[in-house]
Amino acid sequence: MLVLPDRDAAEEVAEALTERFGLAEEPQLVRDALAGEDDAEDAQWLVVVEDPDAAHDPEQLHDLAAEHEGWREAE
């Protein structure tokens, strides 16, 4: 799972993941409001990458998220 600061960044990362890693379908985007916050400005966006066989290099995923001011969250 990759955590991004806003929807635009999450959409860019999802598209880049599909292109760079040859994913069959674009990863799922999920809005994640911070605990106790109702303001949409305080939401992070998650890019959920299905990788049950650990085929994708975690460092490459981290680097891609970091390019968009995000990070990789180990599940």
PDB file of N, CA and C in Angstrom:
ATOM      1  N   MET A   1       0.855  -1.162   0.000  1.00  0.00           N
ATOM      2  CA  MET A   1       0.000   0.000   0.000  1.00  0.00           C
ATOM      3  C   MET A   1       0.907   1.232   0.000  1.00  0.00           C
ATOM      4  N   LEU A   2       0.560   2.178  -0.851  1.00  0.00           N
ATOM      5  CA  LEU A   2       1.290   3.433  -0.929  1.00  0.00           C
ATOM      6  C   LEU A   2       0.390   4.545  -0.398  1.00  0.00           C
ATOM      7  N   VAL A   3       0.951   5.441   0.388  1.00  0.00           N
ATOM      8  CA  VAL A   3       0.205   6.543   0.998  1.00  0.00           C
ATOM      9  C   VAL A   3       0.650   7.830   0.323  1.00  0.00           C
ATOM     10  N   LEU A   4      -0.335   8.568  -0.223  1.00  0.00           N
ATOM     11  CA  LEU A   4      -0.053   9.802  -0.939  1.00  0.00           C
ATOM     12  C   LEU A   4      -0.809  10.964  -0.321  1.00  0.00           C
ATOM     13  N   PRO A   5      -0.301  12.182  -0.500  1.00  0.00           N
ATOM     14  CA  PRO A   5      -0.904  13.332   0.165  1.00  0.00           C
ATOM     15  C   PRO A   5      -2.228  13.806  -0.415  1.00  0.00           C
ATOM     16  N   ASP A   6      -2.505  13.501  -1.687  1.00  0.00           N
ATOM     17  CA  ASP A   6      -3.751  13.972  -2.292  1.00  0.00           C
ATOM     18  C   ASP A   6      -4.168  13.063  -3.448  1.00  0.00           C
ATOM     19  N   ARG A   7      -5.359  13.301  -3.929  1.00  0.00           N
ATOM     20  CA  ARG A   7      -5.917  12.434  -4.974  1.00  0.00           C
ATOM     21  C   ARG A   7      -5.120  12.504  -6.274  1.00  0.00           C
ATOM     22  N   ASP A   8      -4.700  13.709  -6.657  1.00  0.00           N
ATOM     23  CA  ASP A   8      -3.938  13.853  -7.897  1.00  0.00           C
ATOM     24  C   ASP A   8      -2.672  13.008  -7.861  1.00  0.00           C
ATOM     25  N   ALA A   9      -1.943  13.069  -6.759  1.00  0.00           N
ATOM     26  CA  ALA A   9      -0.718  12.281  -6.621  1.00  0.00           C
ATOM     27  C   ALA A   9      -1.040  10.789  -6.667  1.00  0.00           C
ATOM     28  N   ALA A  10      -2.115  10.380  -6.009  1.00  0.00           N
ATOM     29  CA  ALA A  10      -2.503   8.968  -6.003  1.00  0.00           C
ATOM     30  C   ALA A  10      -2.847   8.490  -7.408  1.00  0.00           C
ATOM     31  N   GLU A  11      -3.554   9.307  -8.176  1.00  0.00           N
ATOM     32  CA  GLU A  11      -3.908   8.929  -9.543  1.00  0.00           C
ATOM     33  C   GLU A  11      -2.667   8.813 -10.420  1.00  0.00           C
ATOM     34  N   GLU A  12      -1.714   9.735 -10.250  1.00  0.00           N
ATOM     35  CA  GLU A  12      -0.469   9.681 -11.020  1.00  0.00           C
ATOM     36  C   GLU A  12       0.327   8.425 -10.684  1.00  0.00           C
ATOM     37  N   VAL A  13       0.405   8.088  -9.403  1.00  0.00           N
ATOM     38  CA  VAL A  13       1.147   6.906  -8.974  1.00  0.00           C
ATOM     39  C   VAL A  13       0.466   5.640  -9.491  1.00  0.00           C
ATOM     40  N   ALA A  14      -0.847   5.575  -9.422  1.00  0.00           N
ATOM     41  CA  ALA A  14      -1.568   4.399  -9.915  1.00  0.00           C
ATOM     42  C   ALA A  14      -1.302   4.194 -11.403  1.00  0.00           C
ATOM     43  N   GLU A  15      -1.311   5.276 -12.157  1.00  0.00           N
ATOM     44  CA  GLU A  15      -1.035   5.183 -13.590  1.00  0.00           C
ATOM     45  C   GLU A  15       0.411   4.737 -13.835  1.00  0.00           C
ATOM     46  N   ALA A  16       1.344   5.315 -13.085  1.00  0.00           N
ATOM     47  CA  ALA A  16       2.752   4.950 -13.235  1.00  0.00           C
ATOM     48  C   ALA A  16       2.990   3.486 -12.866  1.00  0.00           C
ATOM     49  N   LEU A  17       2.318   3.008 -11.826  1.00  0.00           N
ATOM     50  CA  LEU A  17       2.452   1.603 -11.431  1.00  0.00           C
ATOM     51  C   LEU A  17       1.994   0.681 -12.552  1.00  0.00           C
ATOM     52  N   THR A  18       0.883   1.026 -13.169  1.00  0.00           N
ATOM     53  CA  THR A  18       0.347   0.211 -14.253  1.00  0.00           C
ATOM     54  C   THR A  18       1.337   0.146 -15.411  1.00  0.00           C
ATOM     55  N   GLU A  19       1.945   1.277 -15.738  1.00  0.00           N
ATOM     56  CA  GLU A  19       2.897   1.334 -16.843  1.00  0.00           C
ATOM     57  C   GLU A  19       4.226   0.655 -16.493  1.00  0.00           C
ATOM     58  N   ARG A  20       4.808   1.000 -15.349  1.00  0.00           N
ATOM     59  CA  ARG A  20       6.145   0.506 -14.979  1.00  0.00           C
ATOM     60  C   ARG A  20       6.168  -0.980 -14.638  1.00  0.00           C
ATOM     61  N   PHE A  21       5.127  -1.456 -13.978  1.00  0.00           N
ATOM     62  CA  PHE A  21       5.124  -2.835 -13.512  1.00  0.00           C
ATOM     63  C   PHE A  21       4.249  -3.749 -14.370  1.00  0.00           C
ATOM     64  N   GLY A  22       3.634  -3.185 -15.399  1.00  0.00           N
ATOM     65  CA  GLY A  22       2.819  -3.988 -16.304  1.00  0.00           C
ATOM     66  C   GLY A  22       1.632  -4.643 -15.616  1.00  0.00           C
ATOM     67  N   LEU A  23       0.995  -3.919 -14.711  1.00  0.00           N
ATOM     68  CA  LEU A  23      -0.159  -4.466 -13.996  1.00  0.00           C
ATOM     69  C   LEU A  23      -1.324  -4.669 -14.966  1.00  0.00           C
ATOM     70  N   ALA A  24      -2.064  -5.720 -14.746  1.00  0.00           N
ATOM     71  CA  ALA A  24      -3.209  -6.030 -15.605  1.00  0.00           C
ATOM     72  C   ALA A  24      -4.313  -4.981 -15.466  1.00  0.00           C
ATOM     73  N   GLU A  25      -4.470  -4.450 -14.264  1.00  0.00           N
ATOM     74  CA  GLU A  25      -5.474  -3.406 -14.044  1.00  0.00           C
ATOM     75  C   GLU A  25      -4.907  -2.376 -13.081  1.00  0.00           C
ATOM     76  N   GLU A  26      -5.447  -1.163 -13.165  1.00  0.00           N
ATOM     77  CA  GLU A  26      -4.964  -0.072 -12.334  1.00  0.00           C
ATOM     78  C   GLU A  26      -5.260  -0.358 -10.858  1.00  0.00           C
ATOM     79  N   PRO A  27      -4.325  -0.026  -9.970  1.00  0.00           N
ATOM     80  CA  PRO A  27      -4.542  -0.257  -8.532  1.00  0.00           C
ATOM     81  C   PRO A  27      -5.742   0.537  -8.003  1.00  0.00           C
ATOM     82  N   GLN A  28      -6.285   0.061  -6.911  1.00  0.00           N
ATOM     83  CA  GLN A  28      -7.439   0.703  -6.270  1.00  0.00           C
ATOM     84  C   GLN A  28      -6.985   1.935  -5.495  1.00  0.00           C
ATOM     85  N   LEU A  29      -7.762   3.028  -5.591  1.00  0.00           N
ATOM     86  CA  LEU A  29      -7.513   4.246  -4.823  1.00  0.00           C
ATOM     87  C   LEU A  29      -8.534   4.324  -3.699  1.00  0.00           C
ATOM     88  N   VAL A  30      -8.056   4.660  -2.502  1.00  0.00           N
ATOM     89  CA  VAL A  30      -8.933   4.739  -1.343  1.00  0.00           C
ATOM     90  C   VAL A  30      -8.620   6.022  -0.574  1.00  0.00           C
ATOM     91  N   ARG A  31      -9.656   6.801  -0.284  1.00  0.00           N
ATOM     92  CA  ARG A  31      -9.497   8.012   0.535  1.00  0.00           C
ATOM     93  C   ARG A  31      -9.428   7.584   1.986  1.00  0.00           C
ATOM     94  N   ASP A  32      -8.435   8.094   2.696  1.00  0.00           N
ATOM     95  CA  ASP A  32      -8.227   7.721   4.090  1.00  0.00           C
ATOM     96  C   ASP A  32      -8.201   8.988   4.940  1.00  0.00           C
ATOM     97  N   ALA A  33      -9.341   9.337   5.537  1.00  0.00           N
ATOM     98  CA  ALA A  33      -9.408  10.520   6.403  1.00  0.00           C
ATOM     99  C   ALA A  33      -8.613  10.255   7.669  1.00  0.00           C
ATOM    100  N   LEU A  34      -7.896  11.260   8.095  1.00  0.00           N
ATOM    101  CA  LEU A  34      -7.139  11.118   9.329  1.00  0.00           C
ATOM    102  C   LEU A  34      -8.088  11.013  10.514  1.00  0.00           C
ATOM    103  N   ALA A  35      -7.693  10.303  11.523  1.00  0.00           N
ATOM    104  CA  ALA A  35      -8.545  10.054  12.686  1.00  0.00           C
ATOM    105  C   ALA A  35      -9.073  11.355  13.274  1.00  0.00           C
ATOM    106  N   GLY A  36     -10.385  11.432  13.402  1.00  0.00           N
ATOM    107  CA  GLY A  36     -11.021  12.583  14.025  1.00  0.00           C
ATOM    108  C   GLY A  36     -11.182  13.783  13.116  1.00  0.00           C
ATOM    109  N   GLU A  37     -10.797  13.678  11.868  1.00  0.00           N
ATOM    110  CA  GLU A  37     -10.880  14.812  10.961  1.00  0.00           C
ATOM    111  C   GLU A  37     -12.005  14.612   9.961  1.00  0.00           C
ATOM    112  N   ASP A  38     -12.817  15.635   9.788  1.00  0.00           N
ATOM    113  CA  ASP A  38     -13.910  15.589   8.816  1.00  0.00           C
ATOM    114  C   ASP A  38     -13.576  16.381   7.559  1.00  0.00           C
ATOM    115  N   ASP A  39     -12.572  17.217   7.635  1.00  0.00           N
ATOM    116  CA  ASP A  39     -12.201  18.094   6.534  1.00  0.00           C
ATOM    117  C   ASP A  39     -11.513  17.304   5.423  1.00  0.00           C
ATOM    118  N   ALA A  40     -11.980  17.450   4.202  1.00  0.00           N
ATOM    119  CA  ALA A  40     -11.399  16.735   3.062  1.00  0.00           C
ATOM    120  C   ALA A  40      -9.936  17.098   2.852  1.00  0.00           C
ATOM    121  N   GLU A  41      -9.535  18.279   3.316  1.00  0.00           N
ATOM    122  CA  GLU A  41      -8.137  18.689   3.185  1.00  0.00           C
ATOM    123  C   GLU A  41      -7.214  17.816   4.031  1.00  0.00           C
ATOM    124  N   ASP A  42      -7.757  17.149   5.038  1.00  0.00           N
ATOM    125  CA  ASP A  42      -6.955  16.331   5.935  1.00  0.00           C
ATOM    126  C   ASP A  42      -6.980  14.859   5.559  1.00  0.00           C
ATOM    127  N   ALA A  43      -7.279  14.577   4.318  1.00  0.00           N
ATOM    128  CA  ALA A  43      -7.349  13.191   3.874  1.00  0.00           C
ATOM    129  C   ALA A  43      -6.075  12.808   3.136  1.00  0.00           C
ATOM    130  N   GLN A  44      -5.666  11.582   3.344  1.00  0.00           N
ATOM    131  CA  GLN A  44      -4.584  10.995   2.565  1.00  0.00           C
ATOM    132  C   GLN A  44      -5.236  10.043   1.576  1.00  0.00           C
ATOM    133  N   TRP A  45      -4.518   9.686   0.546  1.00  0.00           N
ATOM    134  CA  TRP A  45      -5.021   8.734  -0.438  1.00  0.00           C
ATOM    135  C   TRP A  45      -4.120   7.520  -0.455  1.00  0.00           C
ATOM    136  N   LEU A  46      -4.731   6.361  -0.471  1.00  0.00           N
ATOM    137  CA  LEU A  46      -3.991   5.108  -0.490  1.00  0.00           C
ATOM    138  C   LEU A  46      -4.095   4.505  -1.881  1.00  0.00           C
ATOM    139  N   VAL A  47      -2.987   3.975  -2.350  1.00  0.00           N
ATOM    140  CA  VAL A  47      -2.955   3.226  -3.603  1.00  0.00           C
ATOM    141  C   VAL A  47      -2.698   1.781  -3.197  1.00  0.00           C
ATOM    142  N   VAL A  48      -3.701   0.946  -3.378  1.00  0.00           N
ATOM    143  CA  VAL A  48      -3.627  -0.449  -2.943  1.00  0.00           C
ATOM    144  C   VAL A  48      -3.079  -1.284  -4.096  1.00  0.00           C
ATOM    145  N   VAL A  49      -1.922  -1.885  -3.872  1.00  0.00           N
ATOM    146  CA  VAL A  49      -1.252  -2.702  -4.883  1.00  0.00           C
ATOM    147  C   VAL A  49      -1.374  -4.162  -4.466  1.00  0.00           C
ATOM    148  N   GLU A  50      -2.072  -4.935  -5.275  1.00  0.00           N
ATOM    149  CA  GLU A  50      -2.198  -6.370  -5.007  1.00  0.00           C
ATOM    150  C   GLU A  50      -0.921  -7.058  -5.494  1.00  0.00           C
ATOM    151  N   ASP A  51      -0.174  -7.647  -4.564  1.00  0.00           N
ATOM    152  CA  ASP A  51       1.079  -8.315  -4.909  1.00  0.00           C
ATOM    153  C   ASP A  51       1.282  -9.513  -3.979  1.00  0.00           C
ATOM    154  N   PRO A  52       0.401 -10.513  -4.070  1.00  0.00           N
ATOM    155  CA  PRO A  52       0.455 -11.648  -3.139  1.00  0.00           C
ATOM    156  C   PRO A  52       1.739 -12.479  -3.241  1.00  0.00           C
ATOM    157  N   ASP A  53       2.402 -12.437  -4.396  1.00  0.00           N
ATOM    158  CA  ASP A  53       3.632 -13.215  -4.578  1.00  0.00           C
ATOM    159  C   ASP A  53       4.888 -12.386  -4.334  1.00  0.00           C
ATOM    160  N   ALA A  54       4.718 -11.154  -3.879  1.00  0.00           N
ATOM    161  CA  ALA A  54       5.838 -10.237  -3.622  1.00  0.00           C
ATOM    162  C   ALA A  54       6.745 -10.121  -4.847  1.00  0.00           C
ATOM    163  N   ALA A  55       6.130  -9.953  -6.004  1.00  0.00           N
ATOM    164  CA  ALA A  55       6.875  -9.871  -7.256  1.00  0.00           C
ATOM    165  C   ALA A  55       7.468  -8.475  -7.492  1.00  0.00           C
ATOM    166  N   HIS A  56       6.921  -7.460  -6.833  1.00  0.00           N
ATOM    167  CA  HIS A  56       7.377  -6.093  -7.041  1.00  0.00           C
ATOM    168  C   HIS A  56       8.374  -5.697  -5.954  1.00  0.00           C
ATOM    169  N   ASP A  57       9.447  -5.067  -6.379  1.00  0.00           N
ATOM    170  CA  ASP A  57      10.507  -4.637  -5.465  1.00  0.00           C
ATOM    171  C   ASP A  57       9.975  -3.544  -4.530  1.00  0.00           C
ATOM    172  N   PRO A  58       9.966  -3.800  -3.222  1.00  0.00           N
ATOM    173  CA  PRO A  58       9.452  -2.808  -2.272  1.00  0.00           C
ATOM    174  C   PRO A  58      10.193  -1.471  -2.353  1.00  0.00           C
ATOM    175  N   GLU A  59      11.481  -1.516  -2.661  1.00  0.00           N
ATOM    176  CA  GLU A  59      12.262  -0.275  -2.757  1.00  0.00           C
ATOM    177  C   GLU A  59      11.806   0.566  -3.946  1.00  0.00           C
ATOM    178  N   GLN A  60      11.471  -0.077  -5.056  1.00  0.00           N
ATOM    179  CA  GLN A  60      10.964   0.658  -6.217  1.00  0.00           C
ATOM    180  C   GLN A  60       9.597   1.266  -5.923  1.00  0.00           C
ATOM    181  N   LEU A  61       8.769   0.539  -5.194  1.00  0.00           N
ATOM    182  CA  LEU A  61       7.464   1.077  -4.799  1.00  0.00           C
ATOM    183  C   LEU A  61       7.645   2.283  -3.886  1.00  0.00           C
ATOM    184  N   HIS A  62       8.571   2.170  -2.942  1.00  0.00           N
ATOM    185  CA  HIS A  62       8.856   3.285  -2.025  1.00  0.00           C
ATOM    186  C   HIS A  62       9.342   4.506  -2.809  1.00  0.00           C
ATOM    187  N   ASP A  63      10.270   4.275  -3.745  1.00  0.00           N
ATOM    188  CA  ASP A  63      10.821   5.388  -4.521  1.00  0.00           C
ATOM    189  C   ASP A  63       9.742   6.086  -5.347  1.00  0.00           C
ATOM    190  N   LEU A  64       8.849   5.311  -5.946  1.00  0.00           N
ATOM    191  CA  LEU A  64       7.766   5.893  -6.734  1.00  0.00           C
ATOM    192  C   LEU A  64       6.866   6.755  -5.846  1.00  0.00           C
ATOM    193  N   ALA A  65       6.509   6.258  -4.685  1.00  0.00           N
ATOM    194  CA  ALA A  65       5.683   7.039  -3.765  1.00  0.00           C
ATOM    195  C   ALA A  65       6.421   8.303  -3.312  1.00  0.00           C
ATOM    196  N   ALA A  66       7.719   8.173  -3.021  1.00  0.00           N
ATOM    197  CA  ALA A  66       8.503   9.317  -2.557  1.00  0.00           C
ATOM    198  C   ALA A  66       8.593  10.415  -3.616  1.00  0.00           C
ATOM    199  N   GLU A  67       8.590  10.025  -4.887  1.00  0.00           N
ATOM    200  CA  GLU A  67       8.601  11.018  -5.969  1.00  0.00           C
ATOM    201  C   GLU A  67       7.375  11.917  -5.921  1.00  0.00           C
ATOM    202  N   HIS A  68       6.311  11.446  -5.270  1.00  0.00           N
ATOM    203  CA  HIS A  68       5.057  12.193  -5.185  1.00  0.00           C
ATOM    204  C   HIS A  68       4.738  12.576  -3.740  1.00  0.00           C
ATOM    205  N   GLU A  69       5.782  12.705  -2.915  1.00  0.00           N
ATOM    206  CA  GLU A  69       5.663  13.116  -1.510  1.00  0.00           C
ATOM    207  C   GLU A  69       4.872  12.119  -0.670  1.00  0.00           C
ATOM    208  N   GLY A  70       4.999  10.843  -0.998  1.00  0.00           N
ATOM    209  CA  GLY A  70       4.314   9.793  -0.260  1.00  0.00           C
ATOM    210  C   GLY A  70       5.298   8.763   0.255  1.00  0.00           C
ATOM    211  N   TRP A  71       4.777   7.640   0.688  1.00  0.00           N
ATOM    212  CA  TRP A  71       5.610   6.565   1.206  1.00  0.00           C
ATOM    213  C   TRP A  71       4.909   5.225   1.042  1.00  0.00           C
ATOM    214  N   ARG A  72       5.697   4.166   1.180  1.00  0.00           N
ATOM    215  CA  ARG A  72       5.156   2.807   1.132  1.00  0.00           C
ATOM    216  C   ARG A  72       4.882   2.355   2.548  1.00  0.00           C
ATOM    217  N   GLU A  73       3.710   1.843   2.748  1.00  0.00           N
ATOM    218  CA  GLU A  73       3.290   1.340   4.063  1.00  0.00           C
ATOM    219  C   GLU A  73       3.239  -0.179   3.984  1.00  0.00           C
ATOM    220  N   ALA A  74       4.047  -0.848   4.796  1.00  0.00           N
ATOM    221  CA  ALA A  74       4.008  -2.309   4.829  1.00  0.00           C
ATOM    222  C   ALA A  74       2.716  -2.721   5.538  1.00  0.00           C
ATOM    223  N   GLU A  75       2.029  -3.693   4.971  1.00  0.00           N
ATOM    224  CA  GLU A  75       0.745  -4.105   5.553  1.00  0.00           C
ATOM    225  C   GLU A  75       0.936  -5.035   6.717  1.00  0.00           C
TER     226      GLU A  75
END
